[in-house]
C-alpha atoms as a PDB file:
ATOM      1  CA  MET A   1      -2.547  50.640 -32.117  1.00  0.00           C
ATOM      2  CA  SER A   2      -3.580  47.045 -31.386  1.00  0.00           C
ATOM      3  CA  LEU A   3      -1.470  44.629 -29.442  1.00  0.00           C
ATOM      4  CA  PHE A   4      -2.434  41.738 -31.700  1.00  0.00           C
ATOM      5  CA  ASN A   5      -2.702  41.731 -35.418  1.00  0.00           C
ATOM      6  CA  ILE A   6      -5.969  40.015 -36.253  1.00  0.00           C
ATOM      7  CA  ASN A   7      -4.434  38.568 -39.403  1.00  0.00           C
ATOM      8  CA  ASP A   8      -1.687  36.823 -37.420  1.00  0.00           C
ATOM      9  CA  ILE A   9      -4.062  35.059 -35.004  1.00  0.00           C
ATOM     10  CA  GLY A  10      -4.941  32.311 -37.503  1.00  0.00           C
ATOM     11  CA  GLY A  11      -1.268  31.659 -38.212  1.00  0.00           C
ATOM     12  CA  THR A  12      -0.449  31.692 -34.534  1.00  0.00           C
ATOM     13  CA  LEU A  13      -3.223  29.192 -33.774  1.00  0.00           C
ATOM     14  CA  GLN A  14      -1.952  26.921 -36.538  1.00  0.00           C
ATOM     15  CA  ASN A  15       1.573  27.094 -35.095  1.00  0.00           C
ATOM     16  CA  VAL A  16       0.250  26.320 -31.614  1.00  0.00           C
ATOM     17  CA  ALA A  17      -1.735  23.357 -32.965  1.00  0.00           C
ATOM     18  CA  LYS A  18       1.294  22.098 -34.888  1.00  0.00           C
ATOM     19  CA  LYS A  19       3.589  22.417 -31.866  1.00  0.00           C
ATOM     20  CA  SER A  20       0.990  20.719 -29.649  1.00  0.00           C
ATOM     21  CA  GLY A  21       0.785  17.818 -32.098  1.00  0.00           C
ATOM     22  CA  GLU A  22       4.562  17.524 -32.218  1.00  0.00           C
ATOM     23  CA  LEU A  23       4.732  17.603 -28.424  1.00  0.00           C
ATOM     24  CA  ALA A  24       2.047  14.920 -28.116  1.00  0.00           C
ATOM     25  CA  HIS A  25       3.827  12.724 -30.678  1.00  0.00           C
ATOM     26  CA  SER A  26       7.118  13.196 -28.831  1.00  0.00           C
ATOM     27  CA  ALA A  27       5.471  12.350 -25.490  1.00  0.00           C
ATOM     28  CA  VAL A  28       3.971   9.145 -26.923  1.00  0.00           C
ATOM     29  CA  LYS A  29       7.343   8.167 -28.366  1.00  0.00           C
ATOM     30  CA  LYS A  30       9.129   8.862 -25.059  1.00  0.00           C
ATOM     31  CA  SER A  31       6.540   6.954 -23.027  1.00  0.00           C
ATOM     32  CA  GLY A  32       6.966   3.979 -25.371  1.00  0.00           C
ATOM     33  CA  GLU A  33      10.712   4.152 -24.858  1.00  0.00           C
ATOM     34  CA  LEU A  34      10.239   4.344 -21.083  1.00  0.00           C
ATOM     35  CA  VAL A  35       7.970   1.289 -21.141  1.00  0.00           C
ATOM     36  CA  GLU A  36      10.595  -0.618 -23.093  1.00  0.00           C
ATOM     37  CA  ILE A  37      13.337   0.449 -20.667  1.00  0.00           C
ATOM     38  CA  THR A  38      11.146  -0.470 -17.691  1.00  0.00           C
ATOM     39  CA  LYS A  39      10.525  -3.944 -19.136  1.00  0.00           C
ATOM     40  CA  LEU A  40      14.256  -4.425 -19.631  1.00  0.00           C
ATOM     41  CA  ASN A  41      14.984  -3.232 -16.075  1.00  0.00           C
ATOM     42  CA  ILE A  42      12.423  -5.742 -14.794  1.00  0.00           C
ATOM     43  CA  LYS A  43      14.224  -8.523 -16.695  1.00  0.00           C
ATOM     44  CA  ILE A  44      17.522  -7.404 -15.149  1.00  0.00           C
ATOM     45  CA  LYS A  45      15.988  -7.488 -11.656  1.00  0.00           C
ATOM     46  CA  GLU A  46      14.500 -10.947 -12.306  1.00  0.00           C
ATOM     47  CA  ASN A  47      17.927 -12.238 -13.379  1.00  0.00           C
ATOM     48  CA  GLU A  48      19.637 -10.617 -10.379  1.00  0.00           C
ATOM     49  CA  THR A  49      17.061 -12.204  -8.072  1.00  0.00           C
ATOM     50  CA  ASN A  50      17.632 -15.581  -9.731  1.00  0.00           C
ATOM     51  CA  ILE A  51      21.402 -15.221  -9.335  1.00  0.00           C
ATOM     52  CA  LYS A  52      20.993 -14.292  -5.653  1.00  0.00           C
ATOM     53  CA  LYS A  53      18.730 -17.307  -5.130  1.00  0.00           C
ATOM     54  CA  ASN A  54      21.336 -19.582  -6.730  1.00  0.00           C
ATOM     55  CA  PHE A  55      24.080 -18.134  -4.529  1.00  0.00           C
ATOM     56  CA  GLU A  56      21.897 -18.741  -1.488  1.00  0.00           C
ATOM     57  CA  GLU A  57      21.255 -22.328  -2.557  1.00  0.00           C
ATOM     58  CA  ILE A  58      24.994 -22.913  -3.044  1.00  0.00           C
ATOM     59  CA  GLY A  59      25.638 -21.468   0.398  1.00  0.00           C
ATOM     60  CA  GLN A  60      22.923 -23.638   1.906  1.00  0.00           C
ATOM     61  CA  LEU A  61      24.455 -26.745   0.325  1.00  0.00           C
ATOM     62  CA  VAL A  62      27.935 -25.886   1.597  1.00  0.00           C
ATOM     63  CA  PHE A  63      26.571 -25.189   5.083  1.00  0.00           C
ATOM     64  CA  GLU A  64      24.636 -28.470   5.169  1.00  0.00           C
ATOM     65  CA  GLN A  65      27.701 -30.377   3.999  1.00  0.00           C
ATOM     66  CA  TYR A  66      29.608 -28.821   6.882  1.00  0.00           C
ATOM     67  CA  LYS A  67      26.857 -29.800   9.319  1.00  0.00           C
ATOM     68  CA  THR A  68      26.934 -33.448   8.189  1.00  0.00           C
ATOM     69  CA  SER A  69      30.691 -33.827   7.717  1.00  0.00           C
ATOM     70  CA  GLY A  70      32.144 -31.259  10.116  1.00  0.00           C
ATOM     71  CA  ILE A  71      34.615 -30.264   7.429  1.00  0.00           C
ATOM     72  CA  ILE A  72      34.824 -26.565   6.658  1.00  0.00           C
ATOM     73  CA  PRO A  73      36.543 -25.340   3.507  1.00  0.00           C
ATOM     74  CA  LEU A  74      38.944 -22.679   4.736  1.00  0.00           C
ATOM     75  CA  GLU A  75      37.480 -19.959   2.514  1.00  0.00           C
ATOM     76  CA  PHE A  76      34.005 -20.558   4.024  1.00  0.00           C
ATOM     77  CA  LYS A  77      35.072 -20.828   7.663  1.00  0.00           C
ATOM     78  CA  ASP A  78      34.292 -17.233   8.708  1.00  0.00           C
ATOM     79  CA  HIS A  79      30.942 -17.237   6.916  1.00  0.00           C
ATOM     80  CA  ILE A  80      29.869 -20.535   8.468  1.00  0.00           C
ATOM     81  CA  TYR A  81      30.861 -19.400  11.963  1.00  0.00           C
ATOM     82  CA  ASN A  82      28.954 -16.147  11.373  1.00  0.00           C
ATOM     83  CA  ILE A  83      25.842 -18.137  10.372  1.00  0.00           C
ATOM     84  CA  GLU A  84      26.118 -20.309  13.474  1.00  0.00           C
ATOM     85  CA  ASN A  85      26.521 -17.248  15.705  1.00  0.00           C
ATOM     86  CA  LYS A  86      23.477 -15.563  14.149  1.00  0.00           C
ATOM     87  CA  GLN A  87      21.441 -18.758  14.551  1.00  0.00           C
ATOM     88  CA  SER A  88      22.396 -18.878  18.235  1.00  0.00           C
ATOM     89  CA  GLU A  89      21.497 -15.209  18.602  1.00  0.00           C
ATOM     90  CA  ILE A  90      18.072 -15.837  17.034  1.00  0.00           C
ATOM     91  CA  ILE A  91      17.433 -18.690  19.479  1.00  0.00           C
ATOM     92  CA  GLU A  92      18.451 -16.454  22.395  1.00  0.00           C
ATOM     93  CA  ILE A  93      16.170 -13.627  21.195  1.00  0.00           C
ATOM     94  CA  ARG A  94      13.239 -16.036  20.786  1.00  0.00           C
ATOM     95  CA  ASN A  95      13.845 -17.333  24.307  1.00  0.00           C
ATOM     96  CA  ASN A  96      13.839 -13.743  25.605  1.00  0.00           C
ATOM     97  CA  ILE A  97      10.556 -13.085  23.811  1.00  0.00           C
ATOM     98  CA  GLU A  98       9.003 -16.160  25.422  1.00  0.00           C
ATOM     99  CA  LYS A  99      10.353 -15.092  28.830  1.00  0.00           C
ATOM    100  CA  ILE A 100       8.781 -11.627  28.445  1.00  0.00           C
ATOM    101  CA  LYS A 101       5.481 -13.173  27.338  1.00  0.00           C
ATOM    102  CA  LYS A 102       5.428 -15.385  30.441  1.00  0.00           C
ATOM    103  CA  GLU A 103       6.393 -12.518  32.774  1.00  0.00           C
ATOM    104  CA  LYS A 104       3.774 -10.210  31.294  1.00  0.00           C
ATOM    105  CA  ASN A 105       1.225 -13.016  30.897  1.00  0.00           C
ATOM    106  CA  ILE A 106       0.897 -12.394  27.161  1.00  0.00           C
ATOM    107  CA  ASP A 107      -0.757 -15.028  25.010  1.00  0.00           C
ATOM    108  CA  SER A 108       1.038 -15.279  21.672  1.00  0.00           C
ATOM    109  CA  ASN A 109      -2.345 -15.250  19.927  1.00  0.00           C
ATOM    110  CA  GLU A 110      -3.580 -12.253  21.899  1.00  0.00           C
ATOM    111  CA  ASN A 111      -4.155  -9.067  20.009  1.00  0.00           C
ATOM    112  CA  ILE A 112      -2.044  -6.464  21.813  1.00  0.00           C
ATOM    113  CA  PHE A 113      -4.098  -3.683  20.277  1.00  0.00           C
ATOM    114  CA  LYS A 114      -7.405  -5.028  21.610  1.00  0.00           C
ATOM    115  CA  GLU A 115      -7.377  -2.839  24.706  1.00  0.00           C
ATOM    116  CA  THR A 116      -5.636   0.100  23.098  1.00  0.00           C
ATOM    117  CA  LYS A 117      -7.841   3.074  22.368  1.00  0.00           C
ATOM    118  CA  PHE A 118      -7.004   5.162  19.343  1.00  0.00           C
ATOM    119  CA  GLU A 119      -7.991   8.772  18.994  1.00  0.00           C
ATOM    120  CA  ILE A 120      -8.437  10.263  15.574  1.00  0.00           C
ATOM    121  CA  ILE A 121      -6.991  13.737  15.379  1.00  0.00           C
ATOM    122  CA  ASP A 122      -8.173  16.069  12.655  1.00  0.00           C
END
């Protein structure tokens, strides 16, 4: 008794070919849908980035108005003080960096990796 019926092999191959074609068609359709969704997600991200940029510009304008007038709208007070504190912190950190460079005699243009030897490990 044979495991396969020789007469059914042709039909089986046709079914496999048909299913493969259907699968390929479905994959093409799905990839097209994914491309469309990806394009739409990119547009969303572009709009979100634009919105964030506009918020930042509004914040910058409010902050600069405060700097020139000294008047702080109450609802912005905490945010403006936070910005000023972070700006002071950045200045302090930069000063510390310069202090370390002077103590260690590091030129800001010097390549710190110049004297470092790297070993490649297999």
